[in-house]
Amino acid sequence: MRQDFIKFPLHLMVHPFDSFWDLKYEGKGKLRVTLTLLLLVVISMILKNQFAGFLVNYNDPRHLNSITQLFTVVFPFFLWCLSNWAITTLMGGEGKFKEIMMATGYALVPVVVIYTPMVIASRFMAEEETAFYYLMMSVASIWFVALLFVGIMTVHQYTVLKTVATMLLTVVVMGIVVFLGTLVLSMLQQITEFFINIYRELIFRT
């Protein structure tokens, strides 16, 4: 338990190439750890938006909704995994959907490790010290992208250039899916309103 949830994720942060190899070929990656890390990221984002110090937090807590924040983390996570799986299936990738999920989830470890302590520290920071807060948040984001890059490259056994191309195409596919989803929802809304108006017209005439 301690090896799966603490030692291996922390080891992966500093030894990503070996660790992602072990994740794929040695069976050290666990789906339950991936989902736990995703949950911790959701909690970290909620804490960041609601409880970060007022010098670095421009959100109005009265207008924050935890369900919306949950959606803004979980939806892009699964959309990324699904889009990457769809693209890499066509491009000869060796990674399975479960392995893509685990690589993406384990890449979130720096966010989990850095965000919450910085949120707590931000409540005691003076204005001159807020640059350190933004620096650490940037480090967490860059670290995440770097781990994600190594994870995708290892899981699919791609070259560096092919991994970059695949990740860019994945982002494009995510945009297309969001556009088509929005379009379909808009059409469904208009069709629903059309039938509701017909129903009301029939009621008024009878």
N, C-alpha and C. Protein backbone atom coordinates (compact mmCIF):
# COMPACT_ATOMS: atom_id res chain seq x y z
N MET A 1 0.84 -1.21 0.00
CA MET A 1 0.00 0.00 0.00
C MET A 1 0.87 1.26 0.00
N ARG A 2 1.84 1.33 0.93
CA ARG A 2 2.71 2.50 1.01
C ARG A 2 3.57 2.62 -0.25
N GLN A 3 4.02 1.46 -0.78
CA GLN A 3 4.82 1.45 -2.00
C GLN A 3 4.00 1.98 -3.18
N ASP A 4 2.75 1.54 -3.29
CA ASP A 4 1.91 1.93 -4.42
C ASP A 4 1.50 3.39 -4.36
N PHE A 5 1.11 3.87 -3.16
CA PHE A 5 0.51 5.20 -3.05
C PHE A 5 1.52 6.31 -2.75
N ILE A 6 2.68 5.98 -2.20
CA ILE A 6 3.62 7.05 -1.81
C ILE A 6 4.97 6.89 -2.49
N LYS A 7 5.63 5.75 -2.28
CA LYS A 7 7.01 5.60 -2.74
C LYS A 7 7.13 5.65 -4.26
N PHE A 8 6.31 4.86 -4.96
CA PHE A 8 6.43 4.82 -6.42
C PHE A 8 6.06 6.16 -7.08
N PRO A 9 4.94 6.83 -6.69
CA PRO A 9 4.64 8.13 -7.30
C PRO A 9 5.74 9.17 -7.04
N LEU A 10 6.31 9.19 -5.82
CA LEU A 10 7.38 10.15 -5.53
C LEU A 10 8.65 9.79 -6.31
N HIS A 11 8.94 8.50 -6.45
CA HIS A 11 10.09 8.06 -7.24
C HIS A 11 9.91 8.47 -8.70
N LEU A 12 8.68 8.39 -9.19
CA LEU A 12 8.39 8.74 -10.59
C LEU A 12 8.66 10.21 -10.87
N MET A 13 8.47 11.06 -9.87
CA MET A 13 8.69 12.51 -10.07
C MET A 13 10.12 12.81 -10.48
N VAL A 14 11.07 12.07 -9.93
CA VAL A 14 12.49 12.38 -10.18
C VAL A 14 13.17 11.37 -11.10
N HIS A 15 12.54 10.22 -11.33
CA HIS A 15 13.09 9.21 -12.25
C HIS A 15 11.98 8.79 -13.21
N PRO A 16 11.52 9.70 -14.05
CA PRO A 16 10.34 9.39 -14.88
C PRO A 16 10.57 8.31 -15.93
N PHE A 17 11.74 8.26 -16.54
CA PHE A 17 11.95 7.29 -17.62
C PHE A 17 11.88 5.85 -17.07
N ASP A 18 12.61 5.59 -15.99
CA ASP A 18 12.59 4.25 -15.39
C ASP A 18 11.20 3.92 -14.85
N SER A 19 10.59 4.91 -14.21
CA SER A 19 9.31 4.64 -13.54
C SER A 19 8.18 4.38 -14.53
N PHE A 20 8.13 5.16 -15.62
CA PHE A 20 7.06 4.91 -16.60
C PHE A 20 7.28 3.56 -17.30
N TRP A 21 8.56 3.17 -17.46
CA TRP A 21 8.84 1.84 -18.00
C TRP A 21 8.31 0.77 -17.05
N ASP A 22 8.58 0.93 -15.75
CA ASP A 22 8.08 -0.02 -14.77
C ASP A 22 6.55 -0.02 -14.72
N LEU A 23 5.98 1.18 -14.92
CA LEU A 23 4.51 1.30 -14.91
C LEU A 23 3.90 0.45 -16.02
N LYS A 24 4.52 0.48 -17.19
CA LYS A 24 3.96 -0.23 -18.34
C LYS A 24 4.34 -1.72 -18.36
N TYR A 25 5.63 -1.99 -18.13
CA TYR A 25 6.11 -3.36 -18.36
C TYR A 25 6.26 -4.19 -17.08
N GLU A 26 6.38 -3.55 -15.92
CA GLU A 26 6.54 -4.29 -14.67
C GLU A 26 5.27 -4.30 -13.83
N GLY A 27 4.22 -3.66 -14.34
CA GLY A 27 2.95 -3.67 -13.64
C GLY A 27 2.92 -2.88 -12.35
N LYS A 28 3.78 -1.87 -12.23
CA LYS A 28 3.81 -1.09 -10.98
C LYS A 28 2.75 0.01 -10.94
N GLY A 29 2.18 0.35 -12.10
CA GLY A 29 1.12 1.35 -12.12
C GLY A 29 -0.20 0.73 -11.69
N LYS A 30 -0.94 1.44 -10.87
CA LYS A 30 -2.23 0.95 -10.37
C LYS A 30 -3.32 1.95 -10.73
N LEU A 31 -4.44 1.43 -11.21
CA LEU A 31 -5.55 2.31 -11.58
C LEU A 31 -6.13 3.02 -10.36
N ARG A 32 -6.17 2.33 -9.23
CA ARG A 32 -6.73 2.94 -8.02
C ARG A 32 -5.85 4.11 -7.54
N VAL A 33 -4.54 4.02 -7.77
CA VAL A 33 -3.66 5.14 -7.41
C VAL A 33 -3.91 6.30 -8.36
N THR A 34 -4.11 5.99 -9.65
CA THR A 34 -4.42 7.04 -10.64
C THR A 34 -5.67 7.82 -10.24
N LEU A 35 -6.73 7.09 -9.88
CA LEU A 35 -7.98 7.76 -9.51
C LEU A 35 -7.83 8.54 -8.21
N THR A 36 -7.01 8.01 -7.30
CA THR A 36 -6.75 8.74 -6.05
C THR A 36 -6.01 10.05 -6.32
N LEU A 37 -5.02 9.99 -7.21
CA LEU A 37 -4.28 11.21 -7.57
C LEU A 37 -5.20 12.23 -8.23
N LEU A 38 -6.10 11.74 -9.09
CA LEU A 38 -7.06 12.66 -9.74
C LEU A 38 -7.96 13.32 -8.70
N LEU A 39 -8.41 12.53 -7.72
CA LEU A 39 -9.24 13.09 -6.64
C LEU A 39 -8.47 14.14 -5.84
N LEU A 40 -7.19 13.85 -5.57
CA LEU A 40 -6.37 14.80 -4.81
C LEU A 40 -6.14 16.09 -5.59
N VAL A 41 -6.03 15.99 -6.91
CA VAL A 41 -5.89 17.20 -7.73
C VAL A 41 -7.17 18.03 -7.66
N VAL A 42 -8.32 17.35 -7.71
CA VAL A 42 -9.60 18.07 -7.59
C VAL A 42 -9.66 18.82 -6.26
N ILE A 43 -9.28 18.13 -5.19
CA ILE A 43 -9.30 18.76 -3.86
C ILE A 43 -8.30 19.93 -3.81
N SER A 44 -7.13 19.74 -4.41
CA SER A 44 -6.11 20.81 -4.43
C SER A 44 -6.63 22.04 -5.17
N MET A 45 -7.32 21.82 -6.29
CA MET A 45 -7.85 22.95 -7.07
C MET A 45 -8.95 23.68 -6.30
N ILE A 46 -9.80 22.90 -5.61
CA ILE A 46 -10.86 23.53 -4.81
C ILE A 46 -10.25 24.36 -3.68
N LEU A 47 -9.23 23.79 -3.01
CA LEU A 47 -8.56 24.52 -1.93
C LEU A 47 -7.88 25.78 -2.47
N LYS A 48 -7.25 25.66 -3.64
CA LYS A 48 -6.56 26.79 -4.25
C LYS A 48 -7.54 27.93 -4.57
N ASN A 49 -8.67 27.58 -5.16
CA ASN A 49 -9.62 28.61 -5.57
C ASN A 49 -10.40 29.21 -4.40
N GLN A 50 -10.56 28.44 -3.33
CA GLN A 50 -11.41 28.91 -2.23
C GLN A 50 -10.63 29.41 -1.02
N PHE A 51 -9.41 28.88 -0.81
CA PHE A 51 -8.73 29.19 0.44
C PHE A 51 -7.34 29.79 0.27
N ALA A 52 -6.89 30.03 -0.96
CA ALA A 52 -5.59 30.69 -1.14
C ALA A 52 -5.66 32.11 -0.59
N GLY A 53 -4.51 32.63 -0.19
CA GLY A 53 -4.47 33.98 0.38
C GLY A 53 -5.03 35.03 -0.57
N PHE A 54 -5.59 36.10 0.00
CA PHE A 54 -6.27 37.09 -0.84
C PHE A 54 -5.31 37.82 -1.79
N LEU A 55 -4.00 37.78 -1.51
CA LEU A 55 -3.05 38.45 -2.40
C LEU A 55 -2.87 37.69 -3.72
N VAL A 56 -3.19 36.39 -3.73
CA VAL A 56 -3.00 35.59 -4.94
C VAL A 56 -4.31 34.97 -5.43
N ASN A 57 -5.39 35.28 -4.74
CA ASN A 57 -6.67 34.66 -5.10
C ASN A 57 -7.66 35.75 -5.49
N TYR A 58 -8.03 35.77 -6.76
CA TYR A 58 -8.95 36.81 -7.26
C TYR A 58 -10.36 36.28 -7.45
N ASN A 59 -10.60 35.06 -6.94
CA ASN A 59 -11.96 34.48 -7.06
C ASN A 59 -12.84 34.97 -5.92
N ASP A 60 -14.11 35.14 -6.22
CA ASP A 60 -15.09 35.48 -5.20
C ASP A 60 -15.67 34.18 -4.65
N PRO A 61 -15.36 33.80 -3.39
CA PRO A 61 -15.83 32.51 -2.84
C PRO A 61 -17.34 32.34 -2.91
N ARG A 62 -18.09 33.45 -2.95
CA ARG A 62 -19.55 33.34 -3.01
C ARG A 62 -20.02 32.77 -4.33
N HIS A 63 -19.18 32.89 -5.37
CA HIS A 63 -19.59 32.43 -6.71
C HIS A 63 -18.91 31.13 -7.12
N LEU A 64 -18.18 30.49 -6.20
CA LEU A 64 -17.48 29.25 -6.54
C LEU A 64 -18.38 28.05 -6.26
N ASN A 65 -18.31 27.08 -7.16
CA ASN A 65 -19.10 25.87 -7.03
C ASN A 65 -18.16 24.67 -7.13
N SER A 66 -18.13 23.84 -6.09
CA SER A 66 -17.20 22.70 -6.06
C SER A 66 -17.52 21.69 -7.16
N ILE A 67 -18.80 21.54 -7.50
CA ILE A 67 -19.17 20.60 -8.56
C ILE A 67 -18.60 21.07 -9.90
N THR A 68 -18.68 22.38 -10.15
CA THR A 68 -18.13 22.93 -11.39
C THR A 68 -16.62 22.72 -11.44
N GLN A 69 -15.95 22.94 -10.30
CA GLN A 69 -14.50 22.75 -10.26
C GLN A 69 -14.13 21.28 -10.43
N LEU A 70 -14.95 20.38 -9.90
CA LEU A 70 -14.74 18.95 -10.12
C LEU A 70 -14.82 18.63 -11.61
N PHE A 71 -15.81 19.19 -12.27
CA PHE A 71 -16.02 18.96 -13.70
C PHE A 71 -14.85 19.50 -14.52
N THR A 72 -14.31 20.67 -14.14
CA THR A 72 -13.23 21.29 -14.92
C THR A 72 -11.91 20.53 -14.81
N VAL A 73 -11.80 19.62 -13.85
CA VAL A 73 -10.59 18.78 -13.75
C VAL A 73 -10.84 17.40 -14.35
N VAL A 74 -11.95 16.78 -13.99
CA VAL A 74 -12.21 15.40 -14.40
C VAL A 74 -12.50 15.31 -15.90
N PHE A 75 -13.31 16.25 -16.41
CA PHE A 75 -13.67 16.19 -17.83
C PHE A 75 -12.44 16.32 -18.75
N PRO A 76 -11.55 17.33 -18.56
CA PRO A 76 -10.36 17.40 -19.42
C PRO A 76 -9.45 16.18 -19.28
N PHE A 77 -9.39 15.61 -18.07
CA PHE A 77 -8.55 14.43 -17.85
C PHE A 77 -8.99 13.27 -18.75
N PHE A 78 -10.29 12.94 -18.67
CA PHE A 78 -10.78 11.80 -19.46
C PHE A 78 -10.85 12.14 -20.95
N LEU A 79 -11.12 13.41 -21.28
CA LEU A 79 -11.13 13.81 -22.68
C LEU A 79 -9.74 13.68 -23.29
N TRP A 80 -8.69 14.07 -22.51
CA TRP A 80 -7.31 13.91 -22.96
C TRP A 80 -6.99 12.42 -23.20
N CYS A 81 -7.35 11.57 -22.25
CA CYS A 81 -7.04 10.14 -22.36
C CYS A 81 -7.74 9.53 -23.57
N LEU A 82 -9.02 9.86 -23.74
CA LEU A 82 -9.79 9.31 -24.86
C LEU A 82 -9.25 9.81 -26.20
N SER A 83 -8.94 11.11 -26.28
CA SER A 83 -8.43 11.68 -27.53
C SER A 83 -7.06 11.10 -27.86
N ASN A 84 -6.21 10.97 -26.85
CA ASN A 84 -4.88 10.42 -27.08
C ASN A 84 -4.96 8.96 -27.52
N TRP A 85 -5.85 8.21 -26.90
CA TRP A 85 -6.03 6.81 -27.29
C TRP A 85 -6.52 6.72 -28.74
N ALA A 86 -7.46 7.59 -29.13
CA ALA A 86 -7.99 7.57 -30.50
C ALA A 86 -6.89 7.90 -31.51
N ILE A 87 -6.07 8.92 -31.21
CA ILE A 87 -5.01 9.32 -32.13
C ILE A 87 -3.93 8.25 -32.23
N THR A 88 -3.49 7.76 -31.09
CA THR A 88 -2.36 6.81 -31.09
C THR A 88 -2.75 5.45 -31.65
N THR A 89 -4.04 5.11 -31.58
CA THR A 89 -4.49 3.87 -32.22
C THR A 89 -4.26 3.93 -33.72
N LEU A 90 -4.44 5.12 -34.29
CA LEU A 90 -4.23 5.30 -35.74
C LEU A 90 -2.76 5.48 -36.09
N MET A 91 -1.93 5.81 -35.09
CA MET A 91 -0.53 6.11 -35.38
C MET A 91 0.43 5.03 -34.84
N GLY A 92 -0.10 3.84 -34.63
CA GLY A 92 0.75 2.73 -34.24
C GLY A 92 1.27 2.78 -32.82
N GLY A 93 0.55 3.47 -31.93
CA GLY A 93 0.96 3.50 -30.53
C GLY A 93 0.74 2.18 -29.84
N GLU A 94 1.61 1.84 -28.91
CA GLU A 94 1.51 0.55 -28.20
C GLU A 94 0.72 0.66 -26.90
N GLY A 95 0.38 1.88 -26.51
CA GLY A 95 -0.29 2.06 -25.23
C GLY A 95 -1.77 1.73 -25.28
N LYS A 96 -2.24 1.10 -24.21
CA LYS A 96 -3.67 0.83 -24.06
C LYS A 96 -4.32 2.02 -23.35
N PHE A 97 -5.66 2.07 -23.40
CA PHE A 97 -6.37 3.18 -22.76
C PHE A 97 -6.05 3.24 -21.26
N LYS A 98 -5.99 2.08 -20.60
CA LYS A 98 -5.69 2.04 -19.17
C LYS A 98 -4.29 2.60 -18.90
N GLU A 99 -3.33 2.27 -19.76
CA GLU A 99 -1.96 2.77 -19.56
C GLU A 99 -1.87 4.27 -19.79
N ILE A 100 -2.64 4.78 -20.76
CA ILE A 100 -2.68 6.24 -20.99
C ILE A 100 -3.25 6.94 -19.76
N MET A 101 -4.31 6.35 -19.21
CA MET A 101 -4.91 6.92 -17.99
C MET A 101 -3.89 6.96 -16.85
N MET A 102 -3.17 5.85 -16.67
CA MET A 102 -2.21 5.79 -15.56
C MET A 102 -1.05 6.77 -15.79
N ALA A 103 -0.55 6.85 -17.04
CA ALA A 103 0.55 7.78 -17.33
C ALA A 103 0.12 9.22 -17.06
N THR A 104 -1.10 9.56 -17.47
CA THR A 104 -1.61 10.91 -17.25
C THR A 104 -1.83 11.18 -15.76
N GLY A 105 -2.39 10.19 -15.07
CA GLY A 105 -2.66 10.36 -13.64
C GLY A 105 -1.39 10.50 -12.82
N TYR A 106 -0.40 9.65 -13.10
CA TYR A 106 0.86 9.72 -12.35
C TYR A 106 1.62 11.00 -12.66
N ALA A 107 1.42 11.56 -13.86
CA ALA A 107 2.09 12.83 -14.19
C ALA A 107 1.56 13.99 -13.33
N LEU A 108 0.39 13.78 -12.69
CA LEU A 108 -0.20 14.84 -11.86
C LEU A 108 0.44 14.94 -10.47
N VAL A 109 1.36 14.05 -10.16
CA VAL A 109 1.94 14.03 -8.80
C VAL A 109 2.53 15.40 -8.39
N PRO A 110 3.29 16.10 -9.25
CA PRO A 110 3.81 17.42 -8.81
C PRO A 110 2.72 18.41 -8.42
N VAL A 111 1.58 18.34 -9.10
CA VAL A 111 0.47 19.23 -8.75
C VAL A 111 -0.03 18.92 -7.34
N VAL A 112 -0.15 17.62 -7.04
CA VAL A 112 -0.61 17.21 -5.71
C VAL A 112 0.39 17.63 -4.64
N VAL A 113 1.67 17.45 -4.94
CA VAL A 113 2.71 17.70 -3.93
C VAL A 113 2.92 19.20 -3.68
N ILE A 114 2.79 20.01 -4.71
CA ILE A 114 3.14 21.44 -4.59
C ILE A 114 1.93 22.33 -4.28
N TYR A 115 0.79 22.05 -4.88
CA TYR A 115 -0.34 22.99 -4.78
C TYR A 115 -0.80 23.23 -3.33
N THR A 116 -1.12 22.16 -2.62
CA THR A 116 -1.72 22.34 -1.29
C THR A 116 -0.78 23.06 -0.31
N PRO A 117 0.51 22.66 -0.21
CA PRO A 117 1.40 23.42 0.68
C PRO A 117 1.52 24.90 0.31
N MET A 118 1.51 25.19 -1.00
CA MET A 118 1.61 26.59 -1.42
C MET A 118 0.34 27.38 -1.10
N VAL A 119 -0.82 26.69 -1.17
CA VAL A 119 -2.07 27.37 -0.80
C VAL A 119 -2.02 27.76 0.68
N ILE A 120 -1.53 26.83 1.51
CA ILE A 120 -1.41 27.14 2.95
C ILE A 120 -0.40 28.27 3.17
N ALA A 121 0.75 28.19 2.47
CA ALA A 121 1.78 29.22 2.63
C ALA A 121 1.30 30.58 2.16
N SER A 122 0.43 30.59 1.13
CA SER A 122 -0.03 31.87 0.57
C SER A 122 -0.82 32.70 1.58
N ARG A 123 -1.39 32.05 2.58
CA ARG A 123 -2.18 32.78 3.59
C ARG A 123 -1.30 33.56 4.56
N PHE A 124 0.00 33.25 4.53
CA PHE A 124 0.92 33.95 5.44
C PHE A 124 1.93 34.80 4.67
N MET A 125 1.74 34.96 3.36
CA MET A 125 2.71 35.68 2.53
C MET A 125 2.45 37.18 2.52
N ALA A 126 3.55 37.95 2.49
CA ALA A 126 3.45 39.37 2.23
C ALA A 126 3.41 39.59 0.72
N GLU A 127 3.06 40.78 0.29
CA GLU A 127 2.92 41.05 -1.14
C GLU A 127 4.22 40.80 -1.90
N GLU A 128 5.36 41.10 -1.26
CA GLU A 128 6.66 40.93 -1.92
C GLU A 128 7.00 39.45 -2.12
N GLU A 129 6.34 38.57 -1.37
CA GLU A 129 6.65 37.14 -1.43
C GLU A 129 5.75 36.36 -2.38
N THR A 130 4.77 37.04 -2.98
CA THR A 130 3.82 36.32 -3.84
C THR A 130 4.49 35.80 -5.12
N ALA A 131 5.62 36.41 -5.51
CA ALA A 131 6.34 35.93 -6.70
C ALA A 131 6.77 34.47 -6.50
N PHE A 132 7.12 34.11 -5.25
CA PHE A 132 7.51 32.73 -4.97
C PHE A 132 6.34 31.78 -5.17
N TYR A 133 5.14 32.23 -4.79
CA TYR A 133 3.93 31.43 -4.98
C TYR A 133 3.71 31.14 -6.46
N TYR A 134 3.78 32.21 -7.29
CA TYR A 134 3.55 32.01 -8.72
C TYR A 134 4.66 31.16 -9.34
N LEU A 135 5.89 31.33 -8.83
CA LEU A 135 7.01 30.52 -9.33
C LEU A 135 6.76 29.03 -9.07
N MET A 136 6.35 28.69 -7.86
CA MET A 136 6.13 27.29 -7.52
C MET A 136 4.94 26.70 -8.29
N MET A 137 3.90 27.51 -8.50
CA MET A 137 2.76 27.04 -9.29
C MET A 137 3.19 26.76 -10.74
N SER A 138 4.06 27.62 -11.26
CA SER A 138 4.57 27.41 -12.63
C SER A 138 5.44 26.17 -12.68
N VAL A 139 6.26 25.96 -11.65
CA VAL A 139 7.10 24.76 -11.59
C VAL A 139 6.24 23.51 -11.61
N ALA A 140 5.15 23.52 -10.84
CA ALA A 140 4.24 22.36 -10.79
C ALA A 140 3.65 22.08 -12.18
N SER A 141 3.25 23.13 -12.88
CA SER A 141 2.63 22.95 -14.20
C SER A 141 3.65 22.43 -15.22
N ILE A 142 4.87 23.03 -15.21
CA ILE A 142 5.90 22.59 -16.16
C ILE A 142 6.34 21.16 -15.86
N TRP A 143 6.46 20.85 -14.59
CA TRP A 143 6.83 19.49 -14.17
C TRP A 143 5.80 18.48 -14.65
N PHE A 144 4.51 18.84 -14.50
CA PHE A 144 3.42 17.98 -14.96
C PHE A 144 3.52 17.72 -16.46
N VAL A 145 3.72 18.77 -17.25
CA VAL A 145 3.81 18.62 -18.71
C VAL A 145 5.01 17.74 -19.08
N ALA A 146 6.13 17.95 -18.39
CA ALA A 146 7.33 17.15 -18.67
C ALA A 146 7.09 15.67 -18.37
N LEU A 147 6.46 15.39 -17.23
CA LEU A 147 6.15 13.99 -16.89
C LEU A 147 5.15 13.38 -17.86
N LEU A 148 4.16 14.19 -18.25
CA LEU A 148 3.17 13.71 -19.21
C LEU A 148 3.84 13.35 -20.54
N PHE A 149 4.78 14.19 -20.95
CA PHE A 149 5.52 13.94 -22.20
C PHE A 149 6.29 12.62 -22.12
N VAL A 150 7.02 12.43 -21.04
CA VAL A 150 7.79 11.19 -20.88
C VAL A 150 6.86 9.98 -20.77
N GLY A 151 5.75 10.16 -20.06
CA GLY A 151 4.79 9.07 -19.88
C GLY A 151 4.19 8.63 -21.21
N ILE A 152 3.75 9.61 -22.01
CA ILE A 152 3.15 9.27 -23.30
C ILE A 152 4.19 8.63 -24.23
N MET A 153 5.41 9.17 -24.20
CA MET A 153 6.48 8.62 -25.05
C MET A 153 6.80 7.17 -24.66
N THR A 154 6.85 6.90 -23.36
CA THR A 154 7.20 5.55 -22.90
C THR A 154 6.07 4.56 -23.14
N VAL A 155 4.86 4.99 -22.85
CA VAL A 155 3.71 4.09 -22.98
C VAL A 155 3.51 3.66 -24.44
N HIS A 156 3.71 4.61 -25.36
CA HIS A 156 3.48 4.28 -26.78
C HIS A 156 4.76 3.86 -27.51
N GLN A 157 5.92 3.99 -26.82
CA GLN A 157 7.20 3.68 -27.46
C GLN A 157 7.41 4.52 -28.72
N TYR A 158 7.21 5.84 -28.56
CA TYR A 158 7.38 6.79 -29.64
C TYR A 158 8.74 7.46 -29.55
N THR A 159 9.14 8.10 -30.66
CA THR A 159 10.30 8.98 -30.64
C THR A 159 9.86 10.34 -30.07
N VAL A 160 10.83 11.22 -29.85
CA VAL A 160 10.52 12.54 -29.29
C VAL A 160 9.60 13.32 -30.23
N LEU A 161 9.95 13.37 -31.51
CA LEU A 161 9.15 14.14 -32.47
C LEU A 161 7.75 13.57 -32.62
N LYS A 162 7.64 12.26 -32.65
CA LYS A 162 6.32 11.65 -32.78
C LYS A 162 5.46 11.89 -31.54
N THR A 163 6.12 11.93 -30.38
CA THR A 163 5.38 12.22 -29.14
C THR A 163 4.85 13.65 -29.16
N VAL A 164 5.70 14.60 -29.60
CA VAL A 164 5.25 16.00 -29.69
C VAL A 164 4.08 16.12 -30.65
N ALA A 165 4.22 15.49 -31.83
CA ALA A 165 3.14 15.55 -32.83
C ALA A 165 1.85 14.93 -32.28
N THR A 166 1.99 13.80 -31.59
CA THR A 166 0.82 13.12 -31.03
C THR A 166 0.11 13.97 -29.98
N MET A 167 0.91 14.62 -29.12
CA MET A 167 0.30 15.43 -28.07
C MET A 167 -0.40 16.65 -28.67
N LEU A 168 0.19 17.25 -29.70
CA LEU A 168 -0.46 18.40 -30.35
C LEU A 168 -1.76 17.96 -31.03
N LEU A 169 -1.72 16.80 -31.70
CA LEU A 169 -2.93 16.29 -32.35
C LEU A 169 -4.01 15.95 -31.32
N THR A 170 -3.56 15.46 -30.16
CA THR A 170 -4.52 15.15 -29.09
C THR A 170 -5.26 16.41 -28.64
N VAL A 171 -4.52 17.52 -28.51
CA VAL A 171 -5.15 18.78 -28.12
C VAL A 171 -6.13 19.24 -29.20
N VAL A 172 -5.76 19.06 -30.47
CA VAL A 172 -6.66 19.44 -31.57
C VAL A 172 -7.94 18.60 -31.52
N VAL A 173 -7.78 17.29 -31.30
CA VAL A 173 -8.95 16.40 -31.22
C VAL A 173 -9.84 16.80 -30.04
N MET A 174 -9.21 17.15 -28.92
CA MET A 174 -10.00 17.60 -27.76
C MET A 174 -10.85 18.82 -28.13
N GLY A 175 -10.25 19.75 -28.87
CA GLY A 175 -10.99 20.94 -29.29
C GLY A 175 -12.14 20.58 -30.22
N ILE A 176 -11.89 19.64 -31.14
CA ILE A 176 -12.95 19.21 -32.06
C ILE A 176 -14.10 18.55 -31.31
N VAL A 177 -13.74 17.68 -30.35
CA VAL A 177 -14.78 16.99 -29.56
C VAL A 177 -15.63 18.00 -28.78
N VAL A 178 -14.96 18.99 -28.17
CA VAL A 178 -15.70 20.00 -27.40
C VAL A 178 -16.60 20.80 -28.34
N PHE A 179 -16.08 21.16 -29.53
CA PHE A 179 -16.89 21.92 -30.49
C PHE A 179 -18.11 21.12 -30.94
N LEU A 180 -17.88 19.84 -31.33
CA LEU A 180 -19.00 19.02 -31.78
C LEU A 180 -19.99 18.76 -30.65
N GLY A 181 -19.47 18.54 -29.44
CA GLY A 181 -20.36 18.32 -28.30
C GLY A 181 -21.23 19.53 -28.04
N THR A 182 -20.63 20.73 -28.11
CA THR A 182 -21.39 21.96 -27.90
C THR A 182 -22.44 22.13 -28.99
N LEU A 183 -22.04 21.79 -30.23
CA LEU A 183 -22.97 21.91 -31.36
C LEU A 183 -24.16 20.97 -31.20
N VAL A 184 -23.88 19.71 -30.81
CA VAL A 184 -24.96 18.73 -30.63
C VAL A 184 -25.88 19.16 -29.49
N LEU A 185 -25.31 19.63 -28.39
CA LEU A 185 -26.15 20.07 -27.26
C LEU A 185 -27.02 21.25 -27.65
N SER A 186 -26.44 22.19 -28.45
CA SER A 186 -27.22 23.34 -28.90
C SER A 186 -28.37 22.89 -29.79
N MET A 187 -28.11 21.95 -30.70
CA MET A 187 -29.16 21.45 -31.58
C MET A 187 -30.24 20.73 -30.79
N LEU A 188 -29.82 19.91 -29.81
CA LEU A 188 -30.80 19.20 -28.99
C LEU A 188 -31.68 20.17 -28.22
N GLN A 189 -31.05 21.27 -27.73
CA GLN A 189 -31.82 22.28 -27.01
C GLN A 189 -32.86 22.94 -27.91
N GLN A 190 -32.46 23.26 -29.15
CA GLN A 190 -33.38 23.89 -30.08
C GLN A 190 -34.51 22.95 -30.49
N ILE A 191 -34.15 21.66 -30.70
CA ILE A 191 -35.19 20.67 -31.06
C ILE A 191 -36.18 20.51 -29.91
N THR A 192 -35.64 20.46 -28.68
CA THR A 192 -36.52 20.32 -27.50
C THR A 192 -37.46 21.52 -27.40
N GLU A 193 -36.92 22.72 -27.57
CA GLU A 193 -37.76 23.92 -27.51
C GLU A 193 -38.82 23.91 -28.62
N PHE A 194 -38.46 23.39 -29.80
CA PHE A 194 -39.39 23.32 -30.91
C PHE A 194 -40.59 22.45 -30.56
N PHE A 195 -40.31 21.25 -30.00
CA PHE A 195 -41.41 20.34 -29.65
C PHE A 195 -42.22 20.88 -28.47
N ILE A 196 -41.56 21.57 -27.54
CA ILE A 196 -42.30 22.17 -26.42
C ILE A 196 -43.25 23.25 -26.93
N ASN A 197 -42.79 24.05 -27.90
CA ASN A 197 -43.65 25.10 -28.47
C ASN A 197 -44.84 24.50 -29.21
N ILE A 198 -44.59 23.38 -29.95
CA ILE A 198 -45.70 22.71 -30.65
C ILE A 198 -46.72 22.19 -29.63
N TYR A 199 -46.20 21.60 -28.55
CA TYR A 199 -47.10 21.06 -27.52
C TYR A 199 -47.95 22.18 -26.89
N ARG A 200 -47.31 23.32 -26.61
CA ARG A 200 -48.06 24.45 -26.03
C ARG A 200 -49.10 24.98 -27.01
N GLU A 201 -48.74 25.03 -28.30
CA GLU A 201 -49.68 25.51 -29.32
C GLU A 201 -50.90 24.62 -29.39
N LEU A 202 -50.66 23.28 -29.33
CA LEU A 202 -51.79 22.34 -29.37
C LEU A 202 -52.67 22.48 -28.14
N ILE A 203 -52.05 22.71 -26.99
CA ILE A 203 -52.81 22.85 -25.74
C ILE A 203 -53.70 24.09 -25.80
N PHE A 204 -53.15 25.20 -26.31
CA PHE A 204 -53.92 26.44 -26.37
C PHE A 204 -55.08 26.36 -27.37
N ARG A 205 -54.95 25.55 -28.40
CA ARG A 205 -55.98 25.48 -29.45
C ARG A 205 -57.07 24.46 -29.12
N THR A 206 -56.81 23.62 -28.12
CA THR A 206 -57.84 22.61 -27.78
C THR A 206 -58.62 23.02 -26.54
